[in-house]
Amino acid sequence: MKIFFSALLLLASLTAQAQDNRSHRPRHPFKTDTLMVHDPVMAYEDGTYYLYATGVNIMMATSTDRQTWTVYPEGVLTDNVPAWTHDSVPEFRRHIWAPDIIRWHGRWWMMYSCSSFGVNTSAIGLISSPTLNPSSPDYAWRDEGCVVASKGKRDDWNAIDPNIIIDDNDQPWMTWGSFWDGIQLIRLDDTMHPMKGWRPRTIARRHAPGNTSRAEQNPTSKFAGQNAIEAPFIMKHGGYYYLFVAWDYCCRGAKSNYRVAVGRSRRVEGPYTDRLGMDMRLGGGNLLIEGDKKAFEALGHCAAYHLNNEDIFICHGYSVPLEGASVLVQKTIRWTADGWPELQ
């Protein structure tokens, strides 16, 4: 379940930077120290951090210090959103959700989500480029087609919020999902599409199946149910794969109660369990971060990396001082003696 207030994504540019989506007039990059984002992911190439997030054409920003950011208002895909996305998701236009980015076999691979709020007629697309640097003559995002698609009344999962993980055998996998039957996982081939014969399997839910007696009624969708879990991200550390997920409800500004939970497994396929050994398919998970009601009402949709010799955690947070606007949050990951992540 992703946001429907795209104006906040580039609020730092104020009204003078507003985009005319009808003419797609070119706009110049601008700098900001307060990055307004939803669903951020990050990459590092040649001394520059690249951040991508939900937004028109996929939001893009760069930084050398992760403090001051240069925002590229035209985004990643500019006028090249593939035509197949509109065929797969008729209500989709240019507001692209929840990308993910990874370097593998000499190329950057980016997945992205096409959907409309509160339904599961959705698709995950794929593009690739040899470089992230928009000033490079080699910079060009190539359409790699649709990875998976879901359809209302046909599928009990939602094809949004992709995340790619490469296992110890150089094998790519993709996890994704939002509400319905929860977080899904599938094995990919060397084109970053589902391996022939493989079908999605559920690896995490907010509640055990059929056990929603204490679950909050869904305030955002009459279709999605109460399985309030989404935005998976898998990070490998030591001998474990760590599955981070977002619990509860985003996209409601100051009324949001988003939070992040985590479990781990020795195998990328799971099962993922929490400190007490509870399976995340049955509602397990350790709460990692939530709003303190002072700086942030809520926080969620995270990514976690070992980048430039540092373990970092990023997510978006609904700012109390900014009346629920969504901003970039960055934390350092420290690891406990028994191998669990803590944030500083």
Protein backbone atom coordinates (compact mmCIF):
# COMPACT_ATOMS: atom_id res chain seq x y z
CA MET A 1 0.00 0.00 0.00
CA LYS A 2 1.89 3.06 -1.22
CA ILE A 3 1.36 6.75 -1.09
CA PHE A 4 -1.00 8.98 -2.95
CA PHE A 5 0.41 12.37 -2.07
CA SER A 6 3.24 12.70 -4.58
CA ALA A 7 3.57 16.45 -3.90
CA LEU A 8 5.40 15.63 -0.65
CA LEU A 9 8.04 13.68 -2.50
CA LEU A 10 9.64 16.85 -3.84
CA LEU A 11 8.42 19.29 -1.21
CA ALA A 12 11.95 20.57 -0.67
CA SER A 13 11.74 22.29 -4.05
CA LEU A 14 8.62 24.16 -2.89
CA THR A 15 5.99 25.32 -5.33
CA ALA A 16 8.51 26.96 -7.65
CA GLN A 17 9.75 23.50 -8.57
CA ALA A 18 6.33 21.98 -9.31
CA GLN A 19 6.29 19.76 -12.38
CA ASP A 20 3.92 20.26 -15.30
CA ASN A 21 3.14 16.61 -15.96
CA ARG A 22 1.24 17.38 -19.13
CA SER A 23 4.14 18.94 -21.03
CA HIS A 24 7.02 17.32 -19.06
CA ARG A 25 9.01 20.52 -19.27
CA PRO A 26 12.69 20.04 -18.42
CA ARG A 27 13.67 21.24 -14.96
CA HIS A 28 17.08 21.81 -13.52
CA PRO A 29 18.50 19.74 -10.63
CA PHE A 30 18.37 21.44 -7.24
CA LYS A 31 20.05 20.87 -3.88
CA THR A 32 18.45 20.21 -0.51
CA ASP A 33 19.47 19.08 2.98
CA THR A 34 15.94 17.85 3.77
CA LEU A 35 15.11 15.11 1.30
CA MET A 36 11.40 14.42 0.95
CA VAL A 37 11.03 10.77 -0.03
CA HIS A 38 8.83 7.72 0.15
CA ASP A 39 10.19 4.17 -0.14
CA PRO A 40 13.91 5.03 -0.57
CA VAL A 41 16.67 2.72 -1.81
CA MET A 42 20.32 3.51 -2.31
CA ALA A 43 23.37 2.57 -4.39
CA TYR A 44 27.02 3.66 -4.45
CA GLU A 45 29.15 4.14 -7.54
CA ASP A 46 32.46 5.99 -8.05
CA GLY A 47 32.23 8.09 -4.89
CA THR A 48 28.58 9.06 -5.30
CA TYR A 49 25.49 7.82 -3.48
CA TYR A 50 22.41 7.43 -5.64
CA LEU A 51 18.99 7.42 -4.01
CA TYR A 52 15.80 6.31 -5.75
CA ALA A 53 12.28 6.49 -4.40
CA THR A 54 8.59 6.60 -5.21
CA GLY A 55 7.74 9.47 -7.54
CA VAL A 56 6.90 10.59 -11.05
CA ASN A 57 9.22 8.62 -13.39
CA ILE A 58 11.02 7.27 -10.25
CA MET A 59 12.54 9.92 -8.02
CA MET A 60 16.33 10.27 -8.20
CA ALA A 61 18.84 12.15 -6.01
CA THR A 62 22.62 12.03 -5.63
CA SER A 63 25.08 12.94 -2.88
CA THR A 64 28.74 12.55 -2.00
CA ASP A 65 28.15 12.77 1.76
CA ARG A 66 24.53 11.61 2.28
CA GLN A 67 23.78 15.00 3.82
CA THR A 68 23.33 17.42 0.92
CA TRP A 69 21.39 15.94 -1.98
CA THR A 70 21.00 16.95 -5.60
CA VAL A 71 17.49 16.10 -6.80
CA TYR A 72 16.83 15.38 -10.47
CA PRO A 73 13.19 16.43 -10.87
CA GLU A 74 12.61 14.64 -14.17
CA GLY A 75 13.34 11.33 -12.47
CA VAL A 76 14.81 8.19 -13.99
CA LEU A 77 12.47 7.25 -16.82
CA THR A 78 11.51 10.77 -17.99
CA ASP A 79 9.33 10.19 -21.08
CA ASN A 80 10.24 6.53 -21.43
CA VAL A 81 7.80 4.73 -19.11
CA PRO A 82 7.25 1.46 -21.03
CA ALA A 83 3.89 1.16 -22.77
CA TRP A 84 3.32 -2.34 -21.38
CA THR A 85 2.89 -0.89 -17.87
CA HIS A 86 -0.36 0.80 -18.90
CA ASP A 87 -1.62 -2.42 -20.46
CA SER A 88 -0.86 -4.43 -17.32
CA VAL A 89 -2.23 -1.80 -14.91
CA PRO A 90 -4.86 0.31 -16.72
CA GLU A 91 -5.07 2.97 -13.99
CA PHE A 92 -1.30 3.45 -13.83
CA ARG A 93 0.25 6.57 -15.37
CA ARG A 94 3.67 7.93 -14.34
CA HIS A 95 3.70 7.84 -10.54
CA ILE A 96 6.03 4.87 -9.98
CA TRP A 97 6.33 3.23 -6.57
CA ALA A 98 9.00 1.56 -4.50
CA PRO A 99 12.00 0.88 -6.75
CA ASP A 100 14.94 -1.35 -5.88
CA ILE A 101 18.48 -1.20 -7.29
CA ILE A 102 21.37 -3.67 -7.34
CA ARG A 103 24.66 -4.22 -9.21
CA TRP A 104 25.03 -7.69 -10.72
CA HIS A 105 27.14 -9.07 -13.57
CA GLY A 106 28.39 -5.70 -14.74
CA ARG A 107 25.03 -3.90 -14.90
CA TRP A 108 22.71 -2.01 -12.58
CA TRP A 109 19.29 -3.61 -12.33
CA MET A 110 16.31 -1.60 -11.13
CA MET A 111 12.88 -2.99 -10.36
CA TYR A 112 9.86 -0.74 -9.85
CA SER A 113 6.16 -0.99 -9.03
CA CYS A 114 3.13 0.02 -11.09
CA SER A 115 -0.20 0.02 -9.27
CA SER A 116 -3.01 2.13 -7.88
CA PHE A 117 -3.79 2.63 -4.22
CA GLY A 118 -5.56 -0.12 -2.29
CA VAL A 119 -5.86 -2.76 -5.02
CA ASN A 120 -3.66 -5.64 -6.17
CA THR A 121 -3.87 -5.26 -9.94
CA SER A 122 -0.18 -4.42 -10.12
CA ALA A 123 3.06 -5.15 -11.94
CA ILE A 124 6.77 -5.10 -11.22
CA GLY A 125 8.92 -3.84 -14.07
CA LEU A 126 12.66 -4.08 -14.71
CA ILE A 127 15.18 -1.74 -16.32
CA SER A 128 18.97 -1.93 -16.50
CA SER A 129 21.92 0.36 -17.19
CA PRO A 130 25.72 0.00 -17.26
CA THR A 131 26.10 3.08 -15.05
CA LEU A 132 24.10 5.27 -12.67
CA ASN A 133 25.85 8.49 -13.64
CA PRO A 134 23.46 10.58 -15.78
CA SER A 135 26.45 12.56 -17.14
CA SER A 136 28.14 9.46 -18.53
CA PRO A 137 27.83 8.75 -22.28
CA ASP A 138 27.02 5.14 -21.32
CA TYR A 139 24.05 6.15 -19.16
CA ALA A 140 20.89 4.58 -20.59
CA TRP A 141 18.10 2.65 -18.91
CA ARG A 142 16.96 -0.31 -21.01
CA ASP A 143 13.47 -1.74 -20.62
CA GLU A 144 13.72 -5.37 -19.49
CA GLY A 145 9.97 -5.95 -19.37
CA CYS A 146 7.58 -7.20 -16.71
CA VAL A 147 8.94 -9.45 -13.95
CA VAL A 148 5.66 -10.43 -12.25
CA ALA A 149 2.11 -9.13 -12.33
CA SER A 150 -0.88 -9.66 -10.06
CA LYS A 151 -4.55 -9.24 -10.76
CA GLY A 152 -7.45 -8.59 -8.42
CA LYS A 153 -9.68 -11.65 -7.75
CA ARG A 154 -7.03 -13.86 -9.38
CA ASP A 155 -3.97 -13.58 -7.12
CA ASP A 156 -3.72 -13.53 -3.33
CA TRP A 157 -0.62 -11.32 -3.41
CA ASN A 158 0.25 -7.85 -4.64
CA ALA A 159 3.05 -7.26 -7.18
CA ILE A 160 4.64 -4.20 -5.59
CA ASP A 161 7.63 -3.41 -3.34
CA PRO A 162 10.29 -5.54 -5.07
CA ASN A 163 13.67 -6.32 -3.55
CA ILE A 164 16.50 -8.30 -5.18
CA ILE A 165 18.94 -10.37 -3.16
CA ILE A 166 21.93 -12.32 -4.54
CA ASP A 167 22.72 -15.42 -2.49
CA ASP A 168 26.12 -16.95 -1.73
CA ASN A 169 25.94 -18.99 -4.94
CA ASP A 170 25.52 -15.86 -7.11
CA GLN A 171 21.85 -16.77 -7.53
CA PRO A 172 19.37 -13.86 -7.72
CA TRP A 173 16.05 -13.93 -5.87
CA MET A 174 13.24 -11.44 -5.60
CA THR A 175 11.01 -10.77 -2.62
CA TRP A 176 8.00 -8.47 -2.77
CA GLY A 177 4.49 -7.99 -1.48
CA SER A 178 1.96 -5.86 0.31
CA PHE A 179 -1.04 -7.10 2.33
CA TRP A 180 -3.16 -9.96 0.90
CA ASP A 181 -1.15 -13.14 1.77
CA GLY A 182 1.93 -11.13 2.67
CA ILE A 183 5.56 -11.23 1.56
CA GLN A 184 6.46 -13.38 -1.43
CA LEU A 185 9.74 -14.87 -2.68
CA ILE A 186 10.77 -16.34 -6.03
CA ARG A 187 14.00 -17.50 -7.63
CA LEU A 188 15.19 -15.54 -10.67
CA ASP A 189 17.15 -16.58 -13.76
CA ASP A 190 20.09 -14.75 -15.32
CA THR A 191 17.72 -12.26 -16.99
CA MET A 192 16.30 -11.28 -13.58
CA HIS A 193 12.96 -12.90 -14.40
CA PRO A 194 11.31 -15.81 -12.54
CA MET A 195 13.03 -19.14 -12.95
CA LYS A 196 10.97 -21.49 -15.10
CA GLY A 197 8.77 -23.72 -12.94
CA TRP A 198 9.06 -21.53 -9.83
CA ARG A 199 6.01 -19.96 -8.24
CA PRO A 200 5.74 -17.36 -5.48
CA ARG A 201 5.90 -18.63 -1.91
CA THR A 202 4.88 -16.71 1.20
CA ILE A 203 7.72 -16.02 3.64
CA ALA A 204 6.15 -13.50 6.07
CA ARG A 205 2.75 -12.34 7.30
CA ARG A 206 1.61 -9.76 9.84
CA HIS A 207 -0.58 -12.34 11.58
CA ALA A 208 -0.90 -16.09 11.50
CA PRO A 209 -3.47 -17.17 8.90
CA GLY A 210 -6.97 -16.82 10.31
CA ASN A 211 -5.75 -15.10 13.48
CA THR A 212 -6.73 -11.46 12.98
CA SER A 213 -8.87 -11.02 16.09
CA ARG A 214 -6.49 -8.37 17.44
CA ALA A 215 -5.67 -6.85 14.08
CA GLU A 216 -6.51 -3.24 13.34
CA GLN A 217 -9.26 -2.79 10.79
CA ASN A 218 -7.72 -1.65 7.51
CA PRO A 219 -8.29 2.13 7.22
CA THR A 220 -6.77 2.35 3.74
CA SER A 221 -8.39 -0.33 1.56
CA LYS A 222 -11.57 -2.39 1.51
CA PHE A 223 -9.84 -5.01 -0.64
CA ALA A 224 -6.49 -5.67 1.03
CA GLY A 225 -7.58 -7.19 4.33
CA GLN A 226 -5.79 -6.93 7.68
CA ASN A 227 -2.49 -8.60 6.80
CA ALA A 228 -0.65 -5.30 7.28
CA ILE A 229 2.83 -6.23 6.11
CA GLU A 230 4.77 -5.00 3.08
CA ALA A 231 8.04 -3.55 1.77
CA PRO A 232 10.43 -6.51 2.29
CA PHE A 233 14.19 -6.07 2.13
CA ILE A 234 16.75 -8.86 2.58
CA MET A 235 20.32 -8.12 3.71
CA LYS A 236 23.07 -10.72 4.08
CA HIS A 237 25.30 -10.37 7.16
CA GLY A 238 27.56 -13.00 8.61
CA GLY A 239 25.91 -16.37 8.28
CA TYR A 240 22.34 -15.05 8.08
CA TYR A 241 19.89 -13.46 5.69
CA TYR A 242 17.92 -10.74 7.48
CA LEU A 243 14.38 -10.02 6.31
CA PHE A 244 13.19 -6.50 7.12
CA VAL A 245 9.49 -5.74 6.66
CA ALA A 246 7.12 -2.85 7.26
CA TRP A 247 4.22 -3.48 9.62
CA ASP A 248 0.90 -1.65 9.78
CA TYR A 249 -0.20 1.44 7.85
CA CYS A 250 1.66 4.03 5.82
CA CYS A 251 0.56 6.92 3.66
CA ARG A 252 -1.68 8.68 6.18
CA GLY A 253 0.68 11.48 7.17
CA ALA A 254 0.53 12.11 10.91
CA LYS A 255 -2.02 9.28 11.26
CA SER A 256 0.44 6.67 9.97
CA ASN A 257 1.60 3.92 12.34
CA TYR A 258 4.23 2.31 10.11
CA ARG A 259 7.09 0.44 11.83
CA VAL A 260 9.89 -1.94 10.84
CA ALA A 261 10.37 -5.51 12.03
CA VAL A 262 13.09 -8.06 11.25
CA GLY A 263 13.72 -11.79 11.29
CA ARG A 264 16.53 -13.97 9.99
CA SER A 265 17.35 -17.28 8.34
CA ARG A 266 20.41 -19.30 7.40
CA ARG A 267 18.84 -19.78 3.95
CA VAL A 268 17.50 -17.10 1.64
CA GLU A 269 14.37 -19.23 1.16
CA GLY A 270 13.66 -19.18 4.90
CA PRO A 271 12.06 -19.92 7.20
CA TYR A 272 12.68 -16.51 8.77
CA THR A 273 12.28 -16.41 12.54
CA ASP A 274 12.57 -13.82 15.30
CA ARG A 275 14.57 -13.90 18.57
CA LEU A 276 12.01 -16.20 20.15
CA GLY A 277 12.04 -18.56 17.21
CA MET A 278 8.61 -17.58 15.88
CA ASP A 279 8.21 -18.06 12.15
CA MET A 280 7.50 -14.83 10.28
CA ARG A 281 4.91 -16.72 8.23
CA LEU A 282 2.94 -16.93 11.49
CA GLY A 283 3.37 -13.28 12.45
CA GLY A 284 6.85 -13.43 13.96
CA GLY A 285 9.35 -10.58 13.82
CA ASN A 286 11.41 -8.37 16.13
CA LEU A 287 10.32 -4.74 16.23
CA LEU A 288 13.34 -2.71 15.06
CA ILE A 289 12.12 0.89 14.82
CA GLU A 290 8.89 2.85 15.18
CA GLY A 291 7.82 6.45 15.68
CA ASP A 292 8.65 8.20 18.93
CA LYS A 293 5.84 10.78 18.44
CA LYS A 294 8.41 13.55 18.94
CA ALA A 295 10.57 13.52 15.82
CA PHE A 296 8.51 10.99 13.87
CA GLU A 297 4.95 9.74 14.03
CA ALA A 298 5.95 6.55 12.21
CA LEU A 299 8.78 5.05 10.13
CA GLY A 300 8.87 2.34 7.51
CA HIS A 301 9.69 0.91 4.10
CA CYS A 302 13.38 0.43 4.75
CA ALA A 303 16.51 -0.67 2.95
CA ALA A 304 19.72 -1.96 4.59
CA TYR A 305 23.19 -2.07 3.06
CA HIS A 306 26.89 -2.54 3.52
CA LEU A 307 28.01 0.48 1.47
CA ASN A 308 31.39 2.19 1.45
CA ASN A 309 32.56 0.13 4.48
CA GLU A 310 29.50 1.01 6.56
CA ASP A 311 26.30 -0.84 7.48
CA ILE A 312 23.48 1.62 6.95
CA PHE A 313 19.72 1.58 7.31
CA ILE A 314 17.43 3.98 5.49
CA CYS A 315 13.68 4.44 5.48
CA HIS A 316 11.11 7.20 5.31
CA GLY A 317 9.69 8.81 8.41
CA TYR A 318 6.54 10.87 8.92
CA SER A 319 7.94 14.02 10.51
CA VAL A 320 6.18 15.52 13.53
CA PRO A 321 7.67 19.02 13.02
CA LEU A 322 6.68 18.88 9.34
CA GLU A 323 3.11 17.80 10.17
CA GLY A 324 3.41 14.31 8.77
CA ALA A 325 5.51 15.00 5.69
CA SER A 326 7.67 12.04 4.66
CA VAL A 327 11.45 12.55 4.89
CA LEU A 328 14.59 10.45 4.51
CA VAL A 329 15.82 8.77 7.70
CA GLN A 330 19.34 7.31 7.93
CA LYS A 331 20.73 5.17 10.73
CA THR A 332 23.92 3.19 11.39
CA ILE A 333 23.44 -0.55 11.94
CA ARG A 334 25.29 -2.12 14.86
CA TRP A 335 25.19 -5.85 15.46
CA THR A 336 24.58 -7.46 18.84
CA ALA A 337 26.77 -10.25 20.15
CA ASP A 338 24.17 -12.77 19.04
CA GLY A 339 23.90 -11.25 15.58
CA TRP A 340 20.82 -9.05 15.60
CA PRO A 341 20.71 -5.53 14.11
CA GLU A 342 20.33 -2.43 16.28
CA LEU A 343 20.05 1.12 14.98
CA GLN A 344 22.01 4.17 16.07
